[in-house]
Amino acid sequence: MYTRLSAFGALIAFASPALASAGTSVPDPTDFGLFALGVTGLILGHYAARRQPPKE
């Protein structure tokens, strides 16, 4: 467990923007996060609508 935490800490420490090359374009992670959250909401809403009993 501590090995994974130390590896994660090292990854975070070395992933600073100062070390990125000038020609590399990295997309903003919030764009993908919002997209994934929206798709997840659509899927969960679809399943929730299918599970409700029909109204009489």
N, C-alpha and C. Protein backbone atom coordinates (compact mmCIF):
# COMPACT_ATOMS: atom_id res chain seq x y z
N MET A 1 0.83 -1.19 0.00
CA MET A 1 0.00 0.00 0.00
C MET A 1 0.87 1.25 0.00
N TYR A 2 1.92 1.25 0.81
CA TYR A 2 2.79 2.42 0.86
C TYR A 2 3.58 2.58 -0.43
N THR A 3 3.81 1.49 -1.12
CA THR A 3 4.53 1.57 -2.39
C THR A 3 3.69 2.32 -3.41
N ARG A 4 2.40 2.03 -3.44
CA ARG A 4 1.51 2.73 -4.38
C ARG A 4 1.40 4.20 -4.03
N LEU A 5 1.31 4.50 -2.72
CA LEU A 5 1.21 5.91 -2.31
C LEU A 5 2.47 6.67 -2.65
N SER A 6 3.63 6.05 -2.45
CA SER A 6 4.87 6.74 -2.76
C SER A 6 5.04 6.90 -4.27
N ALA A 7 4.60 5.91 -5.04
CA ALA A 7 4.67 6.04 -6.50
C ALA A 7 3.73 7.14 -6.97
N PHE A 8 2.55 7.22 -6.38
CA PHE A 8 1.60 8.28 -6.73
C PHE A 8 2.16 9.65 -6.35
N GLY A 9 2.77 9.74 -5.19
CA GLY A 9 3.38 11.00 -4.76
C GLY A 9 4.50 11.43 -5.69
N ALA A 10 5.31 10.47 -6.14
CA ALA A 10 6.38 10.79 -7.07
C ALA A 10 5.82 11.24 -8.41
N LEU A 11 4.74 10.61 -8.84
CA LEU A 11 4.11 11.00 -10.10
C LEU A 11 3.58 12.42 -10.02
N ILE A 12 2.96 12.75 -8.91
CA ILE A 12 2.42 14.11 -8.73
C ILE A 12 3.57 15.12 -8.65
N ALA A 13 4.65 14.77 -7.99
CA ALA A 13 5.77 15.69 -7.83
C ALA A 13 6.44 15.98 -9.17
N PHE A 14 6.51 15.00 -10.05
CA PHE A 14 7.20 15.19 -11.32
C PHE A 14 6.28 15.64 -12.44
N ALA A 15 4.99 15.75 -12.19
CA ALA A 15 4.05 16.15 -13.23
C ALA A 15 3.76 17.64 -13.19
N SER A 16 4.77 18.42 -12.95
CA SER A 16 4.56 19.86 -12.90
C SER A 16 4.55 20.44 -14.31
N PRO A 17 3.81 21.51 -14.53
CA PRO A 17 3.74 22.12 -15.87
C PRO A 17 5.09 22.65 -16.36
N ALA A 18 6.00 22.95 -15.45
CA ALA A 18 7.31 23.48 -15.85
C ALA A 18 8.11 22.43 -16.62
N LEU A 19 7.82 21.17 -16.42
CA LEU A 19 8.58 20.12 -17.10
C LEU A 19 7.98 19.75 -18.46
N ALA A 20 6.83 20.29 -18.81
CA ALA A 20 6.21 19.97 -20.09
C ALA A 20 6.95 20.68 -21.21
N SER A 21 7.05 20.03 -22.35
CA SER A 21 7.72 20.67 -23.49
C SER A 21 6.82 21.75 -24.07
N ALA A 22 7.39 22.71 -24.72
CA ALA A 22 6.65 23.87 -25.20
C ALA A 22 5.69 23.52 -26.33
N GLY A 23 5.96 22.48 -27.12
CA GLY A 23 5.13 22.16 -28.26
C GLY A 23 4.00 21.19 -27.98
N THR A 24 3.89 20.72 -26.75
CA THR A 24 2.88 19.72 -26.42
C THR A 24 1.61 20.40 -25.94
N SER A 25 0.49 20.02 -26.56
CA SER A 25 -0.80 20.56 -26.16
C SER A 25 -1.53 19.51 -25.33
N VAL A 26 -1.83 19.84 -24.09
CA VAL A 26 -2.51 18.92 -23.18
C VAL A 26 -3.90 19.45 -22.92
N PRO A 27 -4.95 18.65 -23.21
CA PRO A 27 -6.32 19.14 -22.99
C PRO A 27 -6.62 19.30 -21.50
N ASP A 28 -7.52 20.19 -21.21
CA ASP A 28 -7.93 20.44 -19.83
C ASP A 28 -8.70 19.23 -19.31
N PRO A 29 -8.33 18.67 -18.17
CA PRO A 29 -9.01 17.47 -17.67
C PRO A 29 -10.46 17.72 -17.26
N THR A 30 -10.83 18.96 -16.99
CA THR A 30 -12.21 19.22 -16.58
C THR A 30 -13.18 19.02 -17.74
N ASP A 31 -12.72 19.24 -18.98
CA ASP A 31 -13.58 19.01 -20.13
C ASP A 31 -13.99 17.54 -20.20
N PHE A 32 -13.03 16.66 -20.06
CA PHE A 32 -13.32 15.23 -20.10
C PHE A 32 -14.17 14.82 -18.90
N GLY A 33 -13.90 15.40 -17.74
CA GLY A 33 -14.67 15.08 -16.54
C GLY A 33 -16.13 15.47 -16.68
N LEU A 34 -16.39 16.65 -17.22
CA LEU A 34 -17.77 17.08 -17.43
C LEU A 34 -18.47 16.22 -18.47
N PHE A 35 -17.75 15.84 -19.53
CA PHE A 35 -18.33 14.97 -20.54
C PHE A 35 -18.68 13.61 -19.94
N ALA A 36 -17.77 13.04 -19.15
CA ALA A 36 -18.02 11.73 -18.53
C ALA A 36 -19.17 11.81 -17.54
N LEU A 37 -19.26 12.90 -16.80
CA LEU A 37 -20.36 13.08 -15.86
C LEU A 37 -21.70 13.18 -16.59
N GLY A 38 -21.73 13.87 -17.72
CA GLY A 38 -22.96 13.97 -18.49
C GLY A 38 -23.39 12.64 -19.07
N VAL A 39 -22.44 11.88 -19.62
CA VAL A 39 -22.77 10.56 -20.17
C VAL A 39 -23.25 9.63 -19.07
N THR A 40 -22.62 9.68 -17.91
CA THR A 40 -23.04 8.85 -16.78
C THR A 40 -24.46 9.21 -16.35
N GLY A 41 -24.79 10.49 -16.32
CA GLY A 41 -26.13 10.92 -15.97
C GLY A 41 -27.17 10.44 -16.97
N LEU A 42 -26.82 10.48 -18.25
CA LEU A 42 -27.75 9.98 -19.26
C LEU A 42 -27.99 8.48 -19.11
N ILE A 43 -26.95 7.74 -18.86
CA ILE A 43 -27.08 6.28 -18.71
C ILE A 43 -27.90 5.95 -17.47
N LEU A 44 -27.59 6.60 -16.35
CA LEU A 44 -28.34 6.34 -15.12
C LEU A 44 -29.80 6.78 -15.25
N GLY A 45 -30.06 7.88 -15.93
CA GLY A 45 -31.43 8.32 -16.15
C GLY A 45 -32.20 7.35 -17.03
N HIS A 46 -31.53 6.78 -18.00
CA HIS A 46 -32.17 5.80 -18.88
C HIS A 46 -32.58 4.56 -18.08
N TYR A 47 -31.67 4.06 -17.24
CA TYR A 47 -31.98 2.87 -16.44
C TYR A 47 -33.05 3.16 -15.39
N ALA A 48 -33.02 4.36 -14.82
CA ALA A 48 -34.03 4.71 -13.81
C ALA A 48 -35.41 4.81 -14.45
N ALA A 49 -35.49 5.32 -15.66
CA ALA A 49 -36.77 5.43 -16.34
C ALA A 49 -37.32 4.06 -16.71
N ARG A 50 -36.46 3.14 -17.01
CA ARG A 50 -36.91 1.79 -17.38
C ARG A 50 -37.37 0.99 -16.17
N ARG A 51 -36.86 1.29 -14.99
CA ARG A 51 -37.17 0.52 -13.79
C ARG A 51 -38.46 0.96 -13.11
N GLN A 52 -38.99 2.13 -13.43
CA GLN A 52 -40.21 2.61 -12.79
C GLN A 52 -41.40 1.82 -13.29
N PRO A 53 -42.32 1.45 -12.39
CA PRO A 53 -43.52 0.73 -12.83
C PRO A 53 -44.41 1.66 -13.66
N PRO A 54 -45.16 1.10 -14.59
CA PRO A 54 -46.04 1.94 -15.42
C PRO A 54 -47.14 2.57 -14.57
N LYS A 55 -47.44 3.82 -14.87
CA LYS A 55 -48.48 4.54 -14.13
C LYS A 55 -49.84 4.20 -14.71
N GLU A 56 -50.80 4.00 -13.82
CA GLU A 56 -52.15 3.63 -14.27
C GLU A 56 -53.10 4.79 -14.15
